[in-house]
Protein backbone atom coordinates (compact mmCIF):
# COMPACT_ATOMS: atom_id res chain seq x y z
CA MET A 1 125.17 186.79 -5.26
CA ARG A 2 124.25 183.42 -3.91
CA LYS A 3 125.60 182.67 -0.48
CA ALA A 4 127.89 179.68 -0.23
CA ALA A 5 126.13 176.69 1.21
CA LYS A 6 127.07 175.94 4.78
CA PRO A 7 129.01 172.74 5.27
CA PRO A 8 126.99 169.94 6.78
CA ALA A 9 127.05 169.75 10.56
CA ALA A 10 129.56 167.38 12.03
CA GLU A 11 128.27 164.10 13.35
CA ALA A 12 128.35 163.58 17.08
CA GLY A 13 131.88 162.69 18.09
CA VAL A 14 133.35 163.30 14.62
CA PRO A 15 135.33 166.47 13.83
CA ALA A 16 133.81 168.64 11.09
CA LYS A 17 136.88 168.25 8.90
CA VAL A 18 136.11 164.58 8.27
CA THR A 19 132.37 164.90 7.67
CA GLY A 20 131.47 162.84 4.61
CA VAL A 21 134.48 160.54 4.90
CA PRO A 22 133.44 156.84 5.05
CA LEU A 23 134.73 156.62 8.59
CA TRP A 24 133.05 153.48 9.90
CA ARG A 25 133.27 150.79 7.22
CA PRO A 26 131.17 147.64 7.73
CA VAL A 27 132.98 144.64 9.19
CA ARG A 28 133.18 141.84 6.65
CA GLY A 29 134.51 138.31 7.07
CA GLY A 30 137.11 137.10 9.53
CA ASN A 31 136.71 137.47 13.27
CA ALA A 32 134.30 140.29 14.08
CA PHE A 33 135.99 141.21 17.36
CA GLU A 34 139.49 141.73 15.93
CA ILE A 35 138.18 143.57 12.87
CA THR A 36 136.01 145.84 15.03
CA VAL A 37 139.01 146.69 17.23
CA SER A 38 140.96 147.37 14.04
CA ARG A 39 138.25 149.66 12.63
CA LEU A 40 138.15 151.70 15.83
CA ALA A 41 141.94 151.78 16.10
CA GLN A 42 142.38 152.88 12.49
CA ALA A 43 139.98 155.79 12.94
CA ILE A 44 141.91 156.91 16.03
CA ARG A 45 145.35 156.32 14.53
CA LEU A 46 144.51 158.27 11.36
CA GLY A 47 143.19 161.19 13.37
CA LEU A 48 139.68 160.88 12.01
CA VAL A 49 138.63 160.90 15.64
CA GLY A 50 141.09 162.50 18.01
CA THR A 51 141.86 162.71 21.69
CA GLY A 52 138.85 164.17 23.50
CA ASP A 53 136.38 163.21 20.76
CA ARG A 54 133.33 161.10 21.53
CA LEU A 55 132.44 158.02 19.53
CA PRO A 56 128.96 157.82 18.02
CA ALA A 57 126.29 156.25 20.20
CA GLU A 58 126.63 152.48 20.61
CA ARG A 59 123.50 151.64 18.61
CA GLU A 60 124.48 153.90 15.73
CA LEU A 61 128.08 152.70 15.64
CA ALA A 62 127.04 149.03 15.72
CA GLU A 63 124.72 149.68 12.76
CA ARG A 64 127.45 151.41 10.78
CA LEU A 65 129.98 148.68 11.45
CA GLN A 66 127.26 146.06 10.99
CA VAL A 67 128.28 144.13 14.08
CA SER A 68 126.29 143.09 17.12
CA ARG A 69 126.23 145.46 20.06
CA VAL A 70 127.84 142.70 22.12
CA THR A 71 130.83 142.59 19.74
CA LEU A 72 131.09 146.38 19.73
CA ARG A 73 131.02 146.49 23.54
CA GLU A 74 133.80 143.89 23.72
CA ALA A 75 135.93 145.90 21.26
CA ILE A 76 135.35 149.14 23.18
CA ARG A 77 136.11 147.37 26.46
CA ALA A 78 139.39 146.09 25.00
CA LEU A 79 140.50 149.56 23.95
CA ARG A 80 139.30 150.96 27.26
CA GLU A 81 141.42 148.42 29.15
CA ALA A 82 144.36 149.43 26.95
CA GLY A 83 143.89 153.03 28.10
CA ILE A 84 142.84 154.36 24.68
CA LEU A 85 139.11 154.85 25.33
CA GLU A 86 137.18 156.01 28.38
CA SER A 87 133.48 155.62 29.12
CA ARG A 88 131.69 158.40 31.00
CA ARG A 89 128.18 158.45 32.42
CA GLY A 90 125.58 161.18 32.60
CA ARG A 91 123.93 163.51 30.11
CA THR A 92 127.29 164.44 28.59
CA GLY A 93 128.62 160.91 28.83
CA GLY A 94 129.62 158.43 26.17
CA THR A 95 132.82 156.79 24.99
CA PHE A 96 135.74 159.18 24.50
CA ILE A 97 139.23 158.87 23.05
CA VAL A 98 141.65 159.67 25.87
CA ALA A 99 144.96 158.60 24.32
CA PRO A 100 146.17 158.25 20.74
CA ILE A 101 147.28 154.93 19.30
CA GLY A 102 151.00 154.60 19.90
CA VAL A 103 151.13 155.44 23.59
CA VAL A 104 152.70 153.20 26.18
CA LEU A 105 150.93 152.50 29.46
CA ASP A 106 152.73 152.53 32.78
CA LYS A 107 151.77 150.29 35.68
CA GLY A 108 149.35 152.92 36.93
CA ARG A 109 147.48 152.68 33.61
CA LYS A 110 148.28 156.35 32.90
CA ALA A 111 149.15 157.05 29.29
CA PHE A 112 152.29 158.80 28.22
CA VAL A 113 153.83 159.28 24.78
CA ARG A 114 156.97 157.31 24.11
CA PRO A 115 159.79 159.76 23.33
CA ALA A 116 160.85 160.13 19.70
CA GLY A 117 163.37 157.48 18.78
CA GLY A 118 162.42 155.41 21.81
CA GLY A 119 161.76 152.30 19.75
CA GLY A 120 157.97 152.32 20.12
CA ALA A 121 155.82 149.98 18.05
CA VAL A 122 154.45 152.77 15.85
CA GLU A 123 157.93 154.10 15.12
CA LEU A 124 159.22 150.60 14.43
CA ALA A 125 156.32 149.94 12.06
CA ARG A 126 157.06 153.22 10.30
CA GLN A 127 160.70 152.21 9.87
CA MET A 128 159.65 148.83 8.48
CA GLY A 129 157.36 150.45 5.93
CA ASP A 130 156.05 148.00 3.36
CA SER A 131 158.17 145.22 4.83
CA LEU A 132 155.66 144.98 7.71
CA HIS A 133 152.83 144.10 5.34
CA ASP A 134 155.16 141.79 3.41
CA ALA A 135 156.04 139.95 6.65
CA LEU A 136 152.36 139.57 7.55
CA ASP A 137 151.55 138.23 4.08
CA PHE A 138 154.54 135.88 4.17
CA ARG A 139 153.49 134.60 7.59
CA ARG A 140 149.94 133.98 6.35
CA VAL A 141 151.31 131.65 3.69
CA LEU A 142 153.98 129.93 5.80
CA GLU A 143 152.37 129.21 9.16
CA PRO A 144 149.07 127.68 7.99
CA GLY A 145 151.09 125.47 5.64
CA ALA A 146 153.37 124.45 8.50
CA ALA A 147 150.41 123.58 10.73
CA GLY A 148 148.82 121.54 7.97
CA LEU A 149 152.10 119.75 7.29
CA ALA A 150 152.54 118.93 10.99
CA ALA A 151 149.09 117.32 11.04
CA THR A 152 150.13 114.94 8.24
CA ARG A 153 153.11 113.63 10.19
CA THR A 154 153.14 110.64 12.51
CA LEU A 155 154.52 112.40 15.56
CA ALA A 156 156.66 110.65 18.14
CA ALA A 157 155.49 110.79 21.74
CA VAL A 158 158.19 113.33 22.60
CA ASP A 159 157.02 115.64 19.78
CA ARG A 160 153.41 115.41 20.92
CA GLN A 161 154.46 116.15 24.50
CA GLN A 162 156.47 119.14 23.29
CA LEU A 163 153.43 120.60 21.53
CA VAL A 164 151.22 120.12 24.56
CA ALA A 165 153.83 121.65 26.88
CA CYS A 166 154.36 124.66 24.62
CA LEU A 167 150.61 125.15 24.35
CA ALA A 168 150.25 125.16 28.15
CA ALA A 169 153.13 127.64 28.52
CA SER A 170 151.64 129.96 25.90
CA ARG A 171 148.59 130.54 28.11
CA ASN A 172 150.75 132.23 30.76
CA ARG A 173 149.81 135.92 30.90
CA ASP A 174 153.00 137.07 32.65
CA PRO A 175 154.22 140.00 30.49
CA ALA A 176 157.84 138.96 31.06
CA THR A 177 157.39 135.54 29.44
CA ARG A 178 154.17 135.65 27.39
CA ARG A 179 155.68 136.72 24.06
CA VAL A 180 158.53 134.20 24.27
CA ALA A 181 156.10 131.37 25.12
CA ASP A 182 153.84 132.36 22.22
CA SER A 183 156.73 132.31 19.75
CA ARG A 184 157.96 128.96 21.09
CA LEU A 185 154.56 127.42 20.42
CA HIS A 186 154.61 128.62 16.82
CA LEU A 187 158.16 127.32 16.39
CA ALA A 188 157.18 123.95 17.93
CA ILE A 189 154.34 123.67 15.42
CA ALA A 190 156.76 124.47 12.60
CA ALA A 191 159.29 121.94 13.88
CA ALA A 192 156.60 119.25 14.06
CA GLY A 193 156.27 119.47 10.30
CA GLY A 194 159.75 118.01 9.90
CA SER A 195 161.03 120.64 7.44
CA PRO A 196 164.09 122.53 8.77
CA SER A 197 163.84 125.07 5.92
CA LEU A 198 160.22 125.86 6.76
CA ALA A 199 160.96 126.08 10.48
CA ALA A 200 163.86 128.47 9.80
CA ALA A 201 161.64 130.71 7.65
CA ILE A 202 158.97 130.85 10.36
CA ALA A 203 161.62 131.68 12.96
CA ASP A 204 162.64 134.65 10.80
CA VAL A 205 159.03 135.87 10.56
CA GLN A 206 158.49 135.46 14.30
CA LEU A 207 161.63 137.49 14.96
CA THR A 208 160.47 140.23 12.59
CA LEU A 209 157.07 140.58 14.25
CA ASP A 210 158.04 139.89 17.86
CA ARG A 211 159.04 143.45 18.81
CA LEU A 212 155.83 144.80 17.33
CA LEU A 213 153.63 142.26 19.07
CA ALA A 214 155.42 142.90 22.37
CA SER A 215 154.86 146.68 22.08
CA ILE A 216 151.17 146.99 21.17
CA PRO A 217 148.54 147.37 23.91
CA VAL A 218 147.73 144.10 25.66
CA ILE A 219 144.07 143.30 24.96
CA LYS A 220 142.70 140.54 27.17
CA LYS A 221 139.89 139.61 24.77
CA ASN A 222 142.42 139.16 21.99
CA LEU A 223 144.63 136.98 24.21
CA ASP A 224 141.62 134.83 25.12
CA HIS A 225 140.76 134.41 21.46
CA SER A 226 144.38 133.66 20.59
CA ASP A 227 144.55 130.98 23.30
CA ARG A 228 141.46 129.28 21.89
CA GLN A 229 142.88 129.34 18.37
CA HIS A 230 146.21 127.93 19.58
CA THR A 231 144.35 125.09 21.30
CA ARG A 232 142.33 124.30 18.16
CA VAL A 233 145.49 124.24 16.03
CA VAL A 234 147.33 121.87 18.37
CA ASP A 235 144.26 119.65 18.78
CA ALA A 236 143.92 119.42 14.99
CA ILE A 237 147.60 118.53 14.59
CA LEU A 238 147.40 115.82 17.24
CA ALA A 239 144.22 114.46 15.61
CA GLY A 240 145.88 114.40 12.18
CA ASP A 241 143.33 116.87 10.74
CA ALA A 242 145.45 118.86 8.28
CA ALA A 243 142.56 120.90 6.87
CA ALA A 244 141.44 122.09 10.30
CA ALA A 245 145.02 122.84 11.40
CA ARG A 246 145.65 124.91 8.29
CA ALA A 247 142.32 126.77 8.42
CA THR A 248 142.60 127.61 12.11
CA MET A 249 146.19 128.84 11.82
CA GLU A 250 145.16 130.97 8.86
CA GLU A 251 142.36 132.46 10.97
CA HIS A 252 144.87 133.10 13.76
CA CYS A 253 147.36 134.84 11.44
CA ASP A 254 144.58 136.96 9.95
CA ALA A 255 143.41 138.07 13.41
CA THR A 256 146.94 139.08 14.44
CA ALA A 257 147.51 140.91 11.15
CA GLU A 258 144.22 142.76 11.52
CA LEU A 259 145.21 144.08 14.94
CA LEU A 260 148.71 145.07 13.85
CA ARG A 261 147.48 146.86 10.75
CA GLY A 262 144.79 148.61 12.74
CA LEU A 263 147.05 149.69 15.59
CA LEU A 264 150.20 150.41 13.61
CA GLY A 265 149.21 151.10 10.05
């Protein structure tokens, strides 16, 4: 009797049970940083790599994701700062998963699991189900259109000042006010378009996503990128460049959606 073939050996850092699964899909289109964070987060969230597992070597992982090693390092650093990954030196070193997606970090940066029913982002996303993806798709249509519309308007001085003030406030990294300031900027952009119906719809979307955005790990690189996109949107509106305002807001919505889908499912 022929002996059963042995299963292939597991790859370094990947449990044997997922050998052969297309774990690290190439990054295509969009912003490479956000998509790389999403790819890593999805693998962790789905349990394809678990707590205590080591990621493949940097060079190998960058080749599989088809991103630069600089981009990969930035993505790993972001998840490390969020308390999800840990880098260790030495012969047995590497980058390890130290906390699953869905943990909350205390001020001491130590991870702990939010109790069941505690209103965590992952639980909230689970409760929302398909409505989360619907909200992200709806936002992707609404907000770029609102930004483009605002750029076609002849704005009064007070409206221009309001946009600039909201943009400045949105750069504040104080956790107690950052989310509110971010939402106010998006609502100010919507209001600048002059359509109350559109502004009301965007307010509804912002309200739907706000609790999720406030609950996911704070990633400095993502905030930096978001600040730059916000600035480009407002600059385009003030310059009357509707195409640039629309395209940049679309890019911004896509980046946010990529992170949410990667971190929350």
